[in-house]
Amino acid sequence: MGIISDVKKCDYQAAVSSLLSQIDPKMRVDAREQTIPEMREYMRRIGLSYTALNYEVIHVTGTKGKGSVCAFTEAVLRNVHKARTGMFTSPHLLHVNERIRLDGKPINNDEFAHAYFSVRDALLTASRECEDNEFQSLPSLPGYFRMLTL
């Protein structure tokens, strides 16, 4: 038995419904100062270490043109430098899995559902085994955007 205990759960619509249930309209306005420490804790809970990730990252910020800059940069990296790429953008237009692209292609529904439930189940398992630390009051599952980022 793997991380995903019920094959039926690996359904795209079930993953999207579960993800949407994580939207918290009461999220604190002052939550930003805790974002990085809390994301590091969620990463620790699922066995990811930021320092162990051996990726070069380009983080694009600003108010206008981020999508175009990312698409252009991704195309240059893939076509000129023959690099493998991953891209995460926000927001999506129609389907949540359009936000995540590997080598220029959006991940398909099955890949999204599998990744979502793998991370969700790992977080739920880890929260049951959570040690006493400064993050023990952290919810078992992060909110919508943080979950997508993981």
N, C-alpha and C. Protein backbone atom coordinates (compact mmCIF):
# COMPACT_ATOMS: atom_id res chain seq x y z
N MET A 1 0.85 -1.18 0.00
CA MET A 1 0.00 0.00 0.00
C MET A 1 0.89 1.24 0.00
N GLY A 2 0.70 2.13 -0.97
CA GLY A 2 1.51 3.33 -1.08
C GLY A 2 0.94 4.47 -0.26
N ILE A 3 1.39 5.67 -0.57
CA ILE A 3 0.91 6.85 0.13
C ILE A 3 -0.58 7.03 -0.10
N ILE A 4 -1.03 6.74 -1.30
CA ILE A 4 -2.45 6.90 -1.60
C ILE A 4 -3.15 5.60 -1.27
N SER A 5 -3.99 5.64 -0.26
CA SER A 5 -4.58 4.42 0.26
C SER A 5 -5.80 3.97 -0.54
N ASP A 6 -6.44 4.84 -1.26
CA ASP A 6 -7.66 4.47 -1.98
C ASP A 6 -7.52 4.95 -3.42
N VAL A 7 -7.41 4.00 -4.36
CA VAL A 7 -7.21 4.35 -5.76
C VAL A 7 -8.31 5.28 -6.25
N LYS A 8 -9.51 5.11 -5.75
CA LYS A 8 -10.63 5.95 -6.14
C LYS A 8 -10.34 7.43 -5.87
N LYS A 9 -9.51 7.72 -4.85
CA LYS A 9 -9.20 9.11 -4.51
C LYS A 9 -8.35 9.79 -5.58
N CYS A 10 -7.68 9.03 -6.44
CA CYS A 10 -6.81 9.62 -7.46
C CYS A 10 -7.62 10.11 -8.64
N ASP A 11 -8.62 10.87 -8.37
CA ASP A 11 -9.51 11.39 -9.38
C ASP A 11 -9.32 12.91 -9.38
N TYR A 12 -9.19 13.48 -10.56
CA TYR A 12 -8.92 14.91 -10.71
C TYR A 12 -9.98 15.75 -10.01
N GLN A 13 -11.27 15.47 -10.25
CA GLN A 13 -12.33 16.28 -9.64
C GLN A 13 -12.30 16.17 -8.12
N ALA A 14 -12.00 15.00 -7.59
CA ALA A 14 -11.90 14.83 -6.13
C ALA A 14 -10.72 15.65 -5.60
N ALA A 15 -9.62 15.66 -6.34
CA ALA A 15 -8.46 16.45 -5.91
C ALA A 15 -8.79 17.94 -5.91
N VAL A 16 -9.45 18.42 -6.96
CA VAL A 16 -9.82 19.84 -7.05
C VAL A 16 -10.80 20.19 -5.94
N SER A 17 -11.79 19.35 -5.70
CA SER A 17 -12.77 19.62 -4.63
C SER A 17 -12.09 19.69 -3.27
N SER A 18 -11.18 18.76 -3.02
CA SER A 18 -10.45 18.76 -1.76
C SER A 18 -9.60 20.01 -1.63
N LEU A 19 -8.92 20.39 -2.71
CA LEU A 19 -8.09 21.59 -2.70
C LEU A 19 -8.94 22.83 -2.44
N LEU A 20 -10.08 22.95 -3.10
CA LEU A 20 -10.95 24.11 -2.90
C LEU A 20 -11.46 24.20 -1.47
N SER A 21 -11.60 23.07 -0.81
CA SER A 21 -12.07 23.08 0.58
C SER A 21 -11.04 23.70 1.52
N GLN A 22 -9.81 23.86 1.03
CA GLN A 22 -8.75 24.42 1.86
C GLN A 22 -8.68 25.95 1.79
N ILE A 23 -9.57 26.58 1.03
CA ILE A 23 -9.61 28.04 0.99
C ILE A 23 -10.17 28.53 2.32
N ASP A 24 -9.43 29.40 2.98
CA ASP A 24 -9.84 29.91 4.28
C ASP A 24 -10.14 31.39 4.16
N PRO A 25 -11.44 31.77 4.11
CA PRO A 25 -11.78 33.19 3.97
C PRO A 25 -11.38 34.03 5.19
N LYS A 26 -11.07 33.37 6.30
CA LYS A 26 -10.70 34.10 7.51
C LYS A 26 -9.19 34.19 7.70
N MET A 27 -8.42 33.87 6.65
CA MET A 27 -6.97 33.87 6.79
C MET A 27 -6.49 35.23 7.31
N ARG A 28 -5.58 35.15 8.26
CA ARG A 28 -5.07 36.37 8.89
C ARG A 28 -4.35 37.26 7.87
N VAL A 29 -4.55 38.55 8.00
CA VAL A 29 -3.86 39.51 7.14
C VAL A 29 -2.37 39.51 7.47
N ASP A 30 -2.01 39.27 8.72
CA ASP A 30 -0.61 39.30 9.13
C ASP A 30 0.10 37.97 8.89
N ALA A 31 -0.52 37.07 8.13
CA ALA A 31 0.03 35.73 7.93
C ALA A 31 1.32 35.73 7.11
N ARG A 32 1.57 36.78 6.35
CA ARG A 32 2.72 36.78 5.46
C ARG A 32 4.06 36.62 6.19
N GLU A 33 4.19 37.19 7.37
CA GLU A 33 5.48 37.08 8.06
C GLU A 33 5.78 35.65 8.47
N GLN A 34 4.77 34.81 8.54
CA GLN A 34 4.96 33.40 8.91
C GLN A 34 5.03 32.47 7.71
N THR A 35 4.86 33.00 6.50
CA THR A 35 4.78 32.14 5.32
C THR A 35 6.00 31.25 5.14
N ILE A 36 7.19 31.82 5.15
CA ILE A 36 8.39 31.02 4.89
C ILE A 36 8.64 29.99 6.00
N PRO A 37 8.61 30.38 7.28
CA PRO A 37 8.80 29.35 8.31
C PRO A 37 7.74 28.25 8.26
N GLU A 38 6.48 28.63 8.00
CA GLU A 38 5.43 27.61 7.94
C GLU A 38 5.58 26.71 6.72
N MET A 39 5.96 27.27 5.57
CA MET A 39 6.18 26.43 4.38
C MET A 39 7.35 25.48 4.60
N ARG A 40 8.40 25.95 5.27
CA ARG A 40 9.52 25.06 5.59
C ARG A 40 9.06 23.91 6.48
N GLU A 41 8.15 24.21 7.41
CA GLU A 41 7.63 23.16 8.29
C GLU A 41 6.79 22.16 7.49
N TYR A 42 5.93 22.65 6.60
CA TYR A 42 5.16 21.72 5.76
C TYR A 42 6.09 20.88 4.90
N MET A 43 7.14 21.48 4.35
CA MET A 43 8.11 20.72 3.56
C MET A 43 8.78 19.65 4.41
N ARG A 44 9.14 20.02 5.64
CA ARG A 44 9.77 19.05 6.55
C ARG A 44 8.83 17.88 6.79
N ARG A 45 7.54 18.18 6.99
CA ARG A 45 6.55 17.14 7.27
C ARG A 45 6.40 16.15 6.13
N ILE A 46 6.62 16.59 4.90
CA ILE A 46 6.48 15.65 3.77
C ILE A 46 7.84 15.14 3.29
N GLY A 47 8.88 15.48 4.04
CA GLY A 47 10.20 14.93 3.72
C GLY A 47 10.98 15.68 2.66
N LEU A 48 10.61 16.92 2.41
CA LEU A 48 11.36 17.75 1.46
C LEU A 48 12.25 18.72 2.21
N SER A 49 13.47 18.86 1.76
CA SER A 49 14.38 19.83 2.33
C SER A 49 14.71 20.83 1.24
N TYR A 50 14.53 22.10 1.53
CA TYR A 50 14.83 23.13 0.54
C TYR A 50 16.27 23.04 0.08
N THR A 51 17.17 22.78 1.00
CA THR A 51 18.59 22.70 0.64
C THR A 51 18.90 21.45 -0.18
N ALA A 52 18.07 20.41 -0.07
CA ALA A 52 18.31 19.18 -0.83
C ALA A 52 17.77 19.28 -2.27
N LEU A 53 16.89 20.25 -2.51
CA LEU A 53 16.36 20.42 -3.86
C LEU A 53 17.46 21.01 -4.73
N ASN A 54 17.87 20.29 -5.72
CA ASN A 54 18.99 20.71 -6.55
C ASN A 54 18.47 21.32 -7.85
N TYR A 55 17.78 22.44 -7.73
CA TYR A 55 17.20 23.10 -8.88
C TYR A 55 17.66 24.55 -8.91
N GLU A 56 17.85 25.04 -10.12
CA GLU A 56 18.07 26.47 -10.28
C GLU A 56 16.70 27.08 -10.47
N VAL A 57 16.43 28.19 -9.78
CA VAL A 57 15.10 28.77 -9.76
C VAL A 57 15.14 30.20 -10.28
N ILE A 58 14.17 30.53 -11.09
CA ILE A 58 13.95 31.92 -11.51
C ILE A 58 12.59 32.30 -10.95
N HIS A 59 12.57 33.30 -10.09
CA HIS A 59 11.32 33.75 -9.46
C HIS A 59 10.97 35.09 -10.09
N VAL A 60 9.84 35.15 -10.78
CA VAL A 60 9.42 36.37 -11.47
C VAL A 60 8.32 37.04 -10.65
N THR A 61 8.51 38.33 -10.35
CA THR A 61 7.52 39.08 -9.59
C THR A 61 7.20 40.37 -10.33
N GLY A 62 6.18 41.04 -9.88
CA GLY A 62 5.79 42.31 -10.47
C GLY A 62 4.29 42.36 -10.67
N THR A 63 3.83 43.41 -11.33
CA THR A 63 2.39 43.57 -11.49
C THR A 63 1.90 43.25 -12.89
N LYS A 64 2.74 43.37 -13.89
CA LYS A 64 2.30 43.13 -15.26
C LYS A 64 3.35 42.32 -16.01
N GLY A 65 2.90 41.37 -16.83
CA GLY A 65 3.77 40.66 -17.74
C GLY A 65 4.50 39.45 -17.21
N LYS A 66 4.17 39.00 -16.00
CA LYS A 66 4.87 37.85 -15.43
C LYS A 66 4.67 36.59 -16.27
N GLY A 67 3.46 36.36 -16.72
CA GLY A 67 3.19 35.17 -17.51
C GLY A 67 3.97 35.16 -18.81
N SER A 68 4.03 36.31 -19.45
CA SER A 68 4.79 36.42 -20.71
C SER A 68 6.27 36.21 -20.47
N VAL A 69 6.80 36.82 -19.42
CA VAL A 69 8.22 36.65 -19.10
C VAL A 69 8.52 35.19 -18.80
N CYS A 70 7.66 34.54 -18.04
CA CYS A 70 7.87 33.12 -17.71
C CYS A 70 7.81 32.25 -18.96
N ALA A 71 6.82 32.49 -19.83
CA ALA A 71 6.68 31.69 -21.05
C ALA A 71 7.90 31.88 -21.95
N PHE A 72 8.36 33.11 -22.10
CA PHE A 72 9.53 33.39 -22.93
C PHE A 72 10.77 32.73 -22.34
N THR A 73 10.97 32.90 -21.04
CA THR A 73 12.15 32.34 -20.37
C THR A 73 12.14 30.81 -20.47
N GLU A 74 10.97 30.22 -20.24
CA GLU A 74 10.86 28.76 -20.34
C GLU A 74 11.20 28.29 -21.76
N ALA A 75 10.70 28.98 -22.77
CA ALA A 75 10.96 28.60 -24.16
C ALA A 75 12.45 28.69 -24.49
N VAL A 76 13.11 29.76 -24.03
CA VAL A 76 14.54 29.91 -24.27
C VAL A 76 15.32 28.79 -23.57
N LEU A 77 15.00 28.53 -22.33
CA LEU A 77 15.70 27.48 -21.59
C LEU A 77 15.52 26.11 -22.26
N ARG A 78 14.32 25.81 -22.70
CA ARG A 78 14.06 24.50 -23.31
C ARG A 78 14.64 24.40 -24.72
N ASN A 79 14.43 25.43 -25.54
CA ASN A 79 14.80 25.34 -26.95
C ASN A 79 16.24 25.72 -27.25
N VAL A 80 16.79 26.66 -26.54
CA VAL A 80 18.17 27.10 -26.80
C VAL A 80 19.16 26.33 -25.93
N HIS A 81 18.85 26.20 -24.66
CA HIS A 81 19.78 25.57 -23.72
C HIS A 81 19.47 24.09 -23.46
N LYS A 82 18.39 23.60 -24.07
CA LYS A 82 18.00 22.18 -23.93
C LYS A 82 17.81 21.77 -22.46
N ALA A 83 17.36 22.71 -21.66
CA ALA A 83 17.14 22.45 -20.23
C ALA A 83 15.75 21.85 -20.02
N ARG A 84 15.64 21.04 -18.98
CA ARG A 84 14.33 20.58 -18.53
C ARG A 84 13.77 21.70 -17.66
N THR A 85 12.48 21.96 -17.78
CA THR A 85 11.89 23.07 -17.04
C THR A 85 10.63 22.64 -16.29
N GLY A 86 10.36 23.37 -15.24
CA GLY A 86 9.11 23.26 -14.51
C GLY A 86 8.64 24.68 -14.27
N MET A 87 7.36 24.93 -14.42
CA MET A 87 6.85 26.29 -14.23
C MET A 87 5.56 26.22 -13.43
N PHE A 88 5.46 27.11 -12.45
CA PHE A 88 4.26 27.22 -11.61
C PHE A 88 3.79 28.66 -11.71
N THR A 89 2.58 28.87 -12.21
CA THR A 89 2.05 30.22 -12.37
C THR A 89 0.72 30.34 -11.64
N SER A 90 0.30 31.55 -11.47
CA SER A 90 -0.97 31.82 -10.81
C SER A 90 -1.51 33.13 -11.36
N PRO A 91 -2.78 33.24 -11.59
CA PRO A 91 -3.84 32.25 -11.41
C PRO A 91 -3.99 31.37 -12.64
N HIS A 92 -4.89 30.41 -12.56
CA HIS A 92 -5.20 29.60 -13.74
C HIS A 92 -6.41 30.21 -14.44
N LEU A 93 -6.60 29.88 -15.71
CA LEU A 93 -7.75 30.41 -16.45
C LEU A 93 -8.96 29.49 -16.34
N LEU A 94 -8.76 28.20 -16.64
CA LEU A 94 -9.88 27.27 -16.63
C LEU A 94 -9.71 26.13 -15.64
N HIS A 95 -8.54 25.50 -15.64
CA HIS A 95 -8.31 24.32 -14.83
C HIS A 95 -7.07 24.51 -13.96
N VAL A 96 -7.16 24.08 -12.72
CA VAL A 96 -6.09 24.32 -11.76
C VAL A 96 -4.77 23.69 -12.21
N ASN A 97 -4.81 22.59 -12.93
CA ASN A 97 -3.56 21.95 -13.33
C ASN A 97 -2.82 22.71 -14.43
N GLU A 98 -3.44 23.75 -15.03
CA GLU A 98 -2.71 24.58 -16.00
C GLU A 98 -1.60 25.37 -15.33
N ARG A 99 -1.68 25.56 -14.04
CA ARG A 99 -0.66 26.32 -13.31
C ARG A 99 0.70 25.63 -13.30
N ILE A 100 0.71 24.33 -13.47
CA ILE A 100 1.93 23.53 -13.30
C ILE A 100 2.32 22.94 -14.64
N ARG A 101 3.50 23.32 -15.12
CA ARG A 101 3.98 22.84 -16.41
C ARG A 101 5.33 22.16 -16.23
N LEU A 102 5.49 21.03 -16.90
CA LEU A 102 6.77 20.32 -16.92
C LEU A 102 7.22 20.24 -18.38
N ASP A 103 8.41 20.75 -18.64
CA ASP A 103 8.95 20.76 -19.99
C ASP A 103 7.98 21.35 -21.00
N GLY A 104 7.33 22.45 -20.60
CA GLY A 104 6.47 23.19 -21.52
C GLY A 104 5.04 22.69 -21.64
N LYS A 105 4.68 21.62 -20.94
CA LYS A 105 3.33 21.06 -21.06
C LYS A 105 2.65 21.03 -19.69
N PRO A 106 1.37 21.43 -19.66
CA PRO A 106 0.65 21.33 -18.38
C PRO A 106 0.57 19.87 -17.95
N ILE A 107 0.64 19.65 -16.63
CA ILE A 107 0.48 18.28 -16.16
C ILE A 107 -0.96 17.85 -16.42
N ASN A 108 -1.14 16.55 -16.66
CA ASN A 108 -2.50 16.08 -16.95
C ASN A 108 -3.28 15.86 -15.65
N ASN A 109 -4.55 15.58 -15.79
CA ASN A 109 -5.43 15.43 -14.62
C ASN A 109 -4.96 14.32 -13.68
N ASP A 110 -4.53 13.19 -14.25
CA ASP A 110 -4.08 12.08 -13.41
C ASP A 110 -2.82 12.44 -12.63
N GLU A 111 -1.88 13.13 -13.28
CA GLU A 111 -0.64 13.55 -12.60
C GLU A 111 -0.97 14.53 -11.47
N PHE A 112 -1.89 15.46 -11.75
CA PHE A 112 -2.29 16.43 -10.72
C PHE A 112 -2.92 15.71 -9.53
N ALA A 113 -3.88 14.83 -9.81
CA ALA A 113 -4.57 14.13 -8.72
C ALA A 113 -3.60 13.29 -7.90
N HIS A 114 -2.70 12.59 -8.56
CA HIS A 114 -1.73 11.75 -7.86
C HIS A 114 -0.82 12.62 -6.98
N ALA A 115 -0.30 13.71 -7.54
CA ALA A 115 0.59 14.59 -6.77
C ALA A 115 -0.15 15.22 -5.59
N TYR A 116 -1.37 15.70 -5.85
CA TYR A 116 -2.15 16.34 -4.79
C TYR A 116 -2.39 15.37 -3.64
N PHE A 117 -2.92 14.18 -3.94
CA PHE A 117 -3.25 13.24 -2.87
C PHE A 117 -2.00 12.69 -2.19
N SER A 118 -0.90 12.58 -2.90
CA SER A 118 0.35 12.14 -2.27
C SER A 118 0.80 13.15 -1.21
N VAL A 119 0.78 14.43 -1.57
CA VAL A 119 1.18 15.47 -0.63
C VAL A 119 0.17 15.57 0.51
N ARG A 120 -1.12 15.57 0.18
CA ARG A 120 -2.15 15.68 1.22
C ARG A 120 -2.06 14.53 2.22
N ASP A 121 -1.94 13.30 1.72
CA ASP A 121 -1.88 12.16 2.62
C ASP A 121 -0.62 12.18 3.48
N ALA A 122 0.51 12.60 2.88
CA ALA A 122 1.75 12.70 3.65
C ALA A 122 1.62 13.75 4.75
N LEU A 123 0.97 14.88 4.46
CA LEU A 123 0.77 15.92 5.48
C LEU A 123 -0.16 15.44 6.59
N LEU A 124 -1.22 14.75 6.23
CA LEU A 124 -2.15 14.24 7.25
C LEU A 124 -1.47 13.21 8.14
N THR A 125 -0.67 12.34 7.56
CA THR A 125 0.08 11.35 8.34
C THR A 125 1.07 12.04 9.27
N ALA A 126 1.80 13.01 8.73
CA ALA A 126 2.82 13.72 9.52
C ALA A 126 2.18 14.51 10.66
N SER A 127 0.99 15.08 10.44
CA SER A 127 0.37 15.88 11.50
C SER A 127 -0.06 15.00 12.66
N ARG A 128 -0.40 13.73 12.38
CA ARG A 128 -0.77 12.81 13.46
C ARG A 128 0.46 12.44 14.28
N GLU A 129 1.64 12.51 13.64
CA GLU A 129 2.89 12.14 14.30
C GLU A 129 3.70 13.36 14.70
N CYS A 130 3.08 14.55 14.64
CA CYS A 130 3.79 15.81 14.85
C CYS A 130 4.42 15.87 16.24
N GLU A 131 5.69 16.23 16.24
CA GLU A 131 6.41 16.38 17.50
C GLU A 131 6.02 17.72 18.13
N ASP A 132 6.29 17.85 19.41
CA ASP A 132 6.06 19.14 20.05
C ASP A 132 7.11 20.11 19.52
N ASN A 133 6.67 21.10 18.83
CA ASN A 133 7.56 22.16 18.37
C ASN A 133 6.74 23.43 18.21
N GLU A 134 7.38 24.47 17.75
CA GLU A 134 6.69 25.75 17.64
C GLU A 134 5.55 25.73 16.63
N PHE A 135 5.50 24.69 15.79
CA PHE A 135 4.48 24.61 14.75
C PHE A 135 3.38 23.60 15.05
N GLN A 136 3.28 23.12 16.27
CA GLN A 136 2.29 22.10 16.55
C GLN A 136 0.86 22.63 16.39
N SER A 137 0.66 23.95 16.45
CA SER A 137 -0.68 24.51 16.24
C SER A 137 -0.96 24.78 14.76
N LEU A 138 0.03 24.53 13.90
CA LEU A 138 -0.15 24.71 12.46
C LEU A 138 -1.20 23.71 11.96
N PRO A 139 -2.14 24.15 11.12
CA PRO A 139 -3.14 23.21 10.62
C PRO A 139 -2.49 22.03 9.90
N SER A 140 -3.15 20.89 9.91
CA SER A 140 -2.62 19.71 9.23
C SER A 140 -2.37 19.97 7.76
N LEU A 141 -3.29 20.70 7.14
CA LEU A 141 -3.17 21.03 5.73
C LEU A 141 -3.06 22.54 5.56
N PRO A 142 -2.16 22.97 4.69
CA PRO A 142 -2.06 24.41 4.44
C PRO A 142 -3.26 24.89 3.61
N GLY A 143 -3.36 26.19 3.44
CA GLY A 143 -4.41 26.75 2.60
C GLY A 143 -4.19 26.44 1.13
N TYR A 144 -5.10 26.88 0.32
CA TYR A 144 -5.16 26.59 -1.11
C TYR A 144 -3.84 26.87 -1.84
N PHE A 145 -3.35 28.10 -1.79
CA PHE A 145 -2.16 28.47 -2.55
C PHE A 145 -0.92 27.75 -2.03
N ARG A 146 -0.78 27.65 -0.72
CA ARG A 146 0.38 26.95 -0.15
C ARG A 146 0.36 25.48 -0.55
N MET A 147 -0.82 24.88 -0.56
CA MET A 147 -0.92 23.48 -0.95
C MET A 147 -0.50 23.29 -2.40
N LEU A 148 -0.93 24.18 -3.26
CA LEU A 148 -0.53 24.10 -4.66
C LEU A 148 0.99 24.27 -4.80
N THR A 149 1.57 25.14 -3.99
CA THR A 149 3.00 25.38 -4.05
C THR A 149 3.78 24.13 -3.63
N LEU A 150 3.29 23.43 -2.61
CA LEU A 150 3.95 22.20 -2.19
C LEU A 150 3.83 21.15 -3.27
